[in-house]
Amino acid sequence: MNIVVLDGLTRFSHYIDWSPFAQFGNLKVYDRTPTELIAERASDAEIVLINGTILERETLQQLPRLKYIGLLITGFDLVDVRAAVEQGIVVTHVSDYATLSVAQMAFAHLLNLTQRIDTISHNCRNDRYTECVNMLFNGEPLIELHGMKMGIVGFGRIGQAMAKFSMAFGMDILAHDPFRKDPSPGVNFVELDTLFKQSNVVSLHCPLSDANRGLVDRRRLALMKPDAFVINTSRGALIDEAALADALNSGRIAGAGLDVLSVEPPPKDHPLLSAKNCVVTPHIGSATRAAWDREIQIAIDNLKAFLRGEPQNVVLPQGSLG
């Protein structure tokens, strides 16, 4: 059994020990694999593990021996799942490994925007504190979350964790999820436009699909309150990034906290890197030791289940999970 890791150094995975996968066969780990080398490096592989490498239909067709793709992330937009299934390839992902870590990152962005931690700390380190005559040296009031409305788009595991964090701060919860029908205590499910109109914070927690690409567009940004914030720890392409930059620079909304962008790493002239009141982090919501440990263990369990003929955490062509 030949096992190939195509991107062993992607993101924070240079901290990951890949050796446990060697118990299942001949293991080869590449730091990174450009698209033009995927077919060559995985040509003899029955099993491929990826963290950030894109596997499109054309690439999969060049890998006739491939039987299993193990995604070491929760999202599955990297793989043409329909093409994989047509080719008899099982695709799995690591669900729920970083739920609390990603929700924590989302709330950290919100707290940073409302408490202005990065700006105030920068001022302190550049003598603004030592030279000020009173304690309000930043010149702007901070923002209390109690009583505000948190709008959560996508009410899966991470969205639910975000709701719990928000409730702990005394926020009222609005949510939208086309696949969620059952009620949830303390959560008011509303139409998407209603959520954008009424929320003080809109936090995105849904997988990317053709149906929701560019979900946060100019029209929906125009619906938002001028003192509202956008938080995104899901997928960058959920947002029309040029539209968001315009909304921030014009003062149409108050700020944004983003752990994801549509292109990662972004070009130097990306509009959100210089947008007003926009804080960007490099897709590190899941970069906690606890999440890394769970990620590898779930990936190992997924592979074990596949090899004994009982695959788990399987991704289906429609994007639903088995």
Protein backbone atom coordinates (compact mmCIF):
# COMPACT_ATOMS: atom_id res chain seq x y z
CA MET A 1 0.00 0.00 0.00
CA ASN A 2 1.55 3.30 -1.14
CA ILE A 3 0.64 6.38 0.87
CA VAL A 4 1.59 9.90 -0.26
CA VAL A 5 1.26 13.12 1.74
CA LEU A 6 1.32 15.87 -0.89
CA ASP A 7 1.70 18.88 1.40
CA GLY A 8 3.32 17.95 4.68
CA LEU A 9 4.38 21.55 5.37
CA THR A 10 1.12 23.26 4.48
CA ARG A 11 0.02 25.89 6.99
CA PHE A 12 0.95 24.73 10.50
CA SER A 13 1.42 21.07 9.60
CA HIS A 14 5.21 21.30 10.01
CA TYR A 15 4.42 20.57 13.66
CA ILE A 16 2.68 17.31 12.74
CA ASP A 17 4.31 13.90 13.09
CA TRP A 18 3.35 11.90 10.00
CA SER A 19 5.10 8.72 11.07
CA PRO A 20 1.97 7.01 12.49
CA PHE A 21 0.67 6.67 8.93
CA ALA A 22 3.64 4.44 8.06
CA GLN A 23 1.92 1.56 9.88
CA PHE A 24 -0.48 1.31 6.93
CA GLY A 25 2.06 1.05 4.11
CA ASN A 26 4.94 2.74 2.30
CA LEU A 27 4.78 6.40 3.33
CA LYS A 28 6.17 9.32 1.32
CA VAL A 29 5.82 12.88 2.59
CA TYR A 30 6.35 15.93 0.37
CA ASP A 31 6.61 19.40 1.89
CA ARG A 32 4.52 20.95 -0.90
CA THR A 33 3.38 19.80 -4.32
CA PRO A 34 2.61 22.19 -7.19
CA THR A 35 -0.23 21.18 -9.49
CA GLU A 36 2.08 20.10 -12.30
CA LEU A 37 3.82 17.54 -10.04
CA ILE A 38 0.77 15.93 -8.42
CA ALA A 39 0.30 13.22 -11.05
CA GLU A 40 4.00 12.31 -10.96
CA ARG A 41 4.29 12.15 -7.18
CA ALA A 42 1.01 10.30 -6.62
CA SER A 43 1.17 8.04 -9.68
CA ASP A 44 1.68 4.83 -7.64
CA ALA A 45 -0.38 5.86 -4.63
CA GLU A 46 -3.49 4.07 -3.46
CA ILE A 47 -3.86 6.60 -0.64
CA VAL A 48 -3.28 10.35 -0.79
CA LEU A 49 -3.44 12.69 2.20
CA ILE A 50 -3.82 16.45 1.66
CA ASN A 51 -4.10 19.58 3.74
CA GLY A 52 -4.26 22.28 1.10
CA THR A 53 -3.51 20.75 -2.31
CA ILE A 54 -6.29 21.06 -4.90
CA LEU A 55 -7.34 17.85 -6.66
CA GLU A 56 -9.43 18.59 -9.73
CA ARG A 57 -11.06 16.13 -12.15
CA GLU A 58 -8.21 16.37 -14.68
CA THR A 59 -5.67 15.51 -12.01
CA LEU A 60 -7.67 12.62 -10.59
CA GLN A 61 -8.00 11.09 -14.05
CA GLN A 62 -4.22 10.78 -14.10
CA LEU A 63 -4.24 8.67 -10.92
CA PRO A 64 -5.85 5.32 -11.85
CA ARG A 65 -4.48 3.50 -8.78
CA LEU A 66 -5.90 6.01 -6.30
CA LYS A 67 -8.56 4.58 -3.97
CA TYR A 68 -8.65 6.99 -1.05
CA ILE A 69 -8.21 10.72 -0.44
CA GLY A 70 -7.87 11.76 3.19
CA LEU A 71 -8.50 15.46 3.78
CA LEU A 72 -6.83 16.72 6.95
CA ILE A 73 -9.29 19.59 7.16
CA THR A 74 -13.03 19.90 7.71
CA GLY A 75 -13.83 21.69 4.44
CA PHE A 76 -13.91 19.67 1.24
CA ASP A 77 -13.85 22.25 -1.54
CA LEU A 78 -10.26 21.27 -2.43
CA VAL A 79 -11.41 18.06 -4.12
CA ASP A 80 -13.73 17.49 -7.07
CA VAL A 81 -15.72 15.01 -5.01
CA ARG A 82 -18.09 14.08 -7.83
CA ALA A 83 -15.17 13.17 -10.08
CA ALA A 84 -13.58 11.18 -7.27
CA VAL A 85 -16.72 9.15 -6.60
CA GLU A 86 -17.19 8.48 -10.32
CA GLN A 87 -13.65 7.10 -10.31
CA GLY A 88 -14.33 4.90 -7.27
CA ILE A 89 -12.25 7.01 -4.90
CA VAL A 90 -13.42 7.43 -1.30
CA VAL A 91 -12.96 10.95 0.09
CA THR A 92 -12.98 11.58 3.85
CA HIS A 93 -12.42 14.63 6.00
CA VAL A 94 -11.63 15.32 9.66
CA SER A 95 -14.87 16.64 11.07
CA ASP A 96 -15.13 18.46 14.38
CA TYR A 97 -11.40 18.52 15.13
CA ALA A 98 -11.16 22.32 15.39
CA THR A 99 -14.70 23.36 16.30
CA LEU A 100 -13.85 25.12 19.55
CA SER A 101 -10.53 26.49 18.25
CA VAL A 102 -12.13 28.12 15.20
CA ALA A 103 -15.04 29.52 17.22
CA GLN A 104 -12.47 30.88 19.66
CA MET A 105 -10.64 32.61 16.80
CA ALA A 106 -13.90 34.11 15.53
CA PHE A 107 -14.70 35.50 18.95
CA ALA A 108 -11.13 36.73 19.39
CA HIS A 109 -11.57 38.79 16.22
CA LEU A 110 -14.82 40.20 17.57
CA LEU A 111 -13.26 41.10 20.91
CA ASN A 112 -10.32 42.71 19.16
CA LEU A 113 -12.64 44.87 17.06
CA THR A 114 -14.80 45.94 19.99
CA GLN A 115 -11.98 46.38 22.53
CA ARG A 116 -9.43 47.67 19.96
CA ILE A 117 -6.73 45.54 21.55
CA ASP A 118 -4.30 45.63 18.61
CA THR A 119 -4.49 49.42 18.19
CA ILE A 120 -4.26 50.19 21.90
CA SER A 121 -1.37 47.78 22.41
CA HIS A 122 0.45 49.33 19.45
CA ASN A 123 -0.05 52.79 20.96
CA CYS A 124 1.29 51.60 24.32
CA ARG A 125 4.42 50.22 22.70
CA ASN A 126 4.98 53.49 20.84
CA ASP A 127 4.94 55.82 23.87
CA ARG A 128 1.33 56.94 23.56
CA TYR A 129 0.61 55.53 27.03
CA THR A 130 3.64 57.01 28.75
CA GLU A 131 2.91 60.45 27.28
CA CYS A 132 -0.88 60.63 27.73
CA VAL A 133 -2.48 62.83 30.39
CA ASN A 134 -5.45 60.52 30.98
CA MET A 135 -6.32 56.88 30.43
CA LEU A 136 -8.44 57.38 27.28
CA PHE A 137 -5.48 57.87 25.00
CA ASN A 138 -7.07 56.01 22.09
CA GLY A 139 -9.73 58.69 21.73
CA GLU A 140 -12.61 56.28 20.99
CA PRO A 141 -14.99 54.44 23.33
CA LEU A 142 -14.90 50.68 23.51
CA ILE A 143 -17.96 48.59 22.69
CA GLU A 144 -19.93 46.39 25.08
CA LEU A 145 -21.40 43.23 23.54
CA HIS A 146 -24.18 42.64 26.07
CA GLY A 147 -27.58 43.09 24.44
CA MET A 148 -26.22 43.18 20.88
CA LYS A 149 -27.40 40.80 18.16
CA MET A 150 -25.03 38.13 16.90
CA GLY A 151 -25.97 36.92 13.42
CA ILE A 152 -24.58 33.46 12.64
CA VAL A 153 -24.62 32.25 9.03
CA GLY A 154 -24.33 28.46 9.09
CA PHE A 155 -25.42 26.71 12.27
CA GLY A 156 -23.29 23.60 12.25
CA ARG A 157 -20.88 22.66 15.03
CA ILE A 158 -18.77 25.83 14.82
CA GLY A 159 -21.81 28.07 14.46
CA GLN A 160 -23.36 26.46 17.52
CA ALA A 161 -20.15 26.94 19.50
CA MET A 162 -20.12 30.60 18.42
CA ALA A 163 -23.68 30.92 19.66
CA LYS A 164 -22.70 29.57 23.09
CA PHE A 165 -19.78 32.00 23.34
CA SER A 166 -22.06 34.87 22.33
CA MET A 167 -24.75 33.92 24.83
CA ALA A 168 -22.11 33.94 27.58
CA PHE A 169 -21.53 37.62 26.73
CA GLY A 170 -25.26 38.36 26.89
CA MET A 171 -25.81 38.65 23.16
CA ASP A 172 -29.07 37.80 21.38
CA ILE A 173 -28.65 35.15 18.68
CA LEU A 174 -29.98 35.26 15.13
CA ALA A 175 -29.07 32.40 12.81
CA HIS A 176 -29.58 31.31 9.22
CA ASP A 177 -29.00 27.80 7.92
CA PRO A 178 -30.98 26.36 4.99
CA PHE A 179 -30.25 22.80 6.21
CA ARG A 180 -31.23 23.37 9.83
CA LYS A 181 -34.91 22.98 10.66
CA ASP A 182 -35.04 21.95 14.32
CA PRO A 183 -35.24 24.73 16.93
CA SER A 184 -32.36 25.59 19.24
CA PRO A 185 -32.84 27.19 22.68
CA GLY A 186 -32.13 30.90 22.64
CA VAL A 187 -31.64 31.04 18.87
CA ASN A 188 -33.97 32.85 16.48
CA PHE A 189 -33.72 31.44 12.94
CA VAL A 190 -34.40 34.12 10.33
CA GLU A 191 -34.08 34.73 6.60
CA LEU A 192 -30.62 35.75 5.43
CA ASP A 193 -31.47 39.34 4.54
CA THR A 194 -33.21 39.78 7.89
CA LEU A 195 -30.06 38.57 9.64
CA PHE A 196 -27.93 41.13 7.78
CA LYS A 197 -30.39 43.94 8.55
CA GLN A 198 -30.78 43.26 12.25
CA SER A 199 -27.39 41.97 13.41
CA ASN A 200 -24.66 43.99 15.07
CA VAL A 201 -22.24 41.21 14.15
CA VAL A 202 -22.44 38.82 11.19
CA SER A 203 -20.21 35.77 11.64
CA LEU A 204 -19.78 33.25 8.82
CA HIS A 205 -19.60 29.53 9.63
CA CYS A 206 -20.62 27.67 6.48
CA PRO A 207 -18.74 25.56 3.93
CA LEU A 208 -18.10 27.10 0.52
CA SER A 209 -20.30 25.98 -2.37
CA ASP A 210 -21.36 27.32 -5.74
CA ALA A 211 -24.64 28.38 -4.12
CA ASN A 212 -23.07 30.63 -1.48
CA ARG A 213 -19.95 31.94 -3.22
CA GLY A 214 -19.98 35.72 -2.78
CA LEU A 215 -22.82 35.49 -0.27
CA VAL A 216 -21.64 38.70 1.41
CA ASP A 217 -22.02 41.00 -1.58
CA ARG A 218 -22.64 44.71 -2.07
CA ARG A 219 -26.39 44.34 -1.68
CA ARG A 220 -26.15 42.52 1.65
CA LEU A 221 -23.44 44.84 2.95
CA ALA A 222 -25.77 47.73 2.17
CA LEU A 223 -28.39 46.11 4.41
CA MET A 224 -26.12 46.13 7.46
CA LYS A 225 -26.10 48.63 10.30
CA PRO A 226 -23.29 51.21 10.02
CA ASP A 227 -21.89 50.09 13.39
CA ALA A 228 -21.93 46.38 12.48
CA PHE A 229 -18.99 44.00 12.08
CA VAL A 230 -18.30 41.08 9.72
CA ILE A 231 -16.36 38.07 11.03
CA ASN A 232 -15.19 35.28 8.72
CA THR A 233 -13.32 32.18 9.88
CA SER A 234 -14.89 29.90 7.24
CA ARG A 235 -13.88 30.47 3.60
CA GLY A 236 -12.73 33.71 2.01
CA ALA A 237 -14.77 33.30 -1.16
CA LEU A 238 -17.99 33.61 0.83
CA ILE A 239 -17.30 37.35 0.63
CA ASP A 240 -17.10 39.70 -2.33
CA GLU A 241 -13.81 41.08 -1.07
CA ALA A 242 -13.76 44.22 -3.21
CA ALA A 243 -17.26 45.06 -2.00
CA LEU A 244 -16.25 44.53 1.63
CA ALA A 245 -13.17 46.74 1.22
CA ASP A 246 -15.35 49.49 -0.24
CA ALA A 247 -17.85 49.16 2.61
CA LEU A 248 -15.07 49.44 5.19
CA ASN A 249 -13.25 52.33 3.55
CA SER A 250 -16.45 54.31 3.09
CA GLY A 251 -17.57 53.72 6.67
CA ARG A 252 -20.62 51.79 5.51
CA ILE A 253 -19.88 49.20 8.22
CA ALA A 254 -17.67 49.48 11.29
CA GLY A 255 -15.11 46.75 10.78
CA ALA A 256 -14.18 43.21 9.80
CA GLY A 257 -12.19 40.38 11.37
CA LEU A 258 -10.99 37.83 8.81
CA ASP A 259 -9.03 34.64 9.31
CA VAL A 260 -9.58 33.60 5.70
CA LEU A 261 -9.23 35.20 2.26
CA SER A 262 -10.19 33.92 -1.18
CA VAL A 263 -6.50 33.55 -2.13
CA GLU A 264 -4.03 32.38 0.51
CA PRO A 265 -1.47 33.78 0.77
CA PRO A 266 -2.95 36.93 -0.78
CA PRO A 267 -1.26 39.23 -3.29
CA LYS A 268 0.38 42.31 -1.80
CA ASP A 269 -2.27 44.58 -3.33
CA HIS A 270 -5.21 42.65 -1.88
CA PRO A 271 -7.80 45.34 -1.00
CA LEU A 272 -8.60 43.97 2.47
CA LEU A 273 -4.98 44.11 3.67
CA SER A 274 -5.17 47.90 3.69
CA ALA A 275 -8.89 48.41 4.25
CA LYS A 276 -10.04 50.59 7.14
CA ASN A 277 -10.77 48.75 10.41
CA CYS A 278 -10.00 45.37 8.87
CA VAL A 279 -7.97 42.84 10.85
CA VAL A 280 -6.60 39.86 8.90
CA THR A 281 -4.99 36.72 10.30
CA PRO A 282 -3.45 33.97 8.10
CA HIS A 283 -6.05 31.16 8.35
CA ILE A 284 -4.85 29.98 11.77
CA GLY A 285 -8.17 29.42 13.56
CA SER A 286 -7.39 25.73 13.91
CA ALA A 287 -3.72 26.26 14.89
CA THR A 288 -4.00 25.03 18.46
CA ARG A 289 -2.14 22.03 19.82
CA ALA A 290 -5.44 20.46 20.89
CA ALA A 291 -6.83 20.77 17.36
CA TRP A 292 -3.65 19.36 15.77
CA ASP A 293 -3.76 16.29 18.01
CA ARG A 294 -7.43 15.67 17.20
CA GLU A 295 -6.81 16.23 13.49
CA ILE A 296 -4.17 13.52 13.20
CA GLN A 297 -6.07 11.05 15.36
CA ILE A 298 -9.27 11.45 13.31
CA ALA A 299 -7.28 11.12 10.06
CA ILE A 300 -5.73 7.89 11.35
CA ASP A 301 -9.12 6.58 12.46
CA ASN A 302 -10.60 7.47 9.05
CA LEU A 303 -7.88 5.53 7.25
CA LYS A 304 -8.26 2.53 9.57
CA ALA A 305 -12.01 2.50 8.94
CA PHE A 306 -11.49 2.65 5.18
CA LEU A 307 -8.98 -0.21 5.20
CA ARG A 308 -11.36 -2.48 7.11
CA GLY A 309 -14.14 -1.68 4.64
CA GLU A 310 -16.16 0.60 6.92
CA PRO A 311 -15.32 4.15 5.77
CA GLN A 312 -16.35 7.00 8.04
CA ASN A 313 -16.55 10.79 7.66
CA VAL A 314 -17.12 10.25 3.94
CA VAL A 315 -17.78 13.28 1.74
CA LEU A 316 -20.49 12.75 -0.88
CA PRO A 317 -20.76 14.53 -4.27
CA GLN A 318 -23.59 16.81 -3.14
CA GLY A 319 -21.47 18.01 -0.24
CA SER A 320 -23.44 16.04 2.34
CA LEU A 321 -21.62 13.69 4.66
CA GLY A 322 -21.94 9.95 5.15
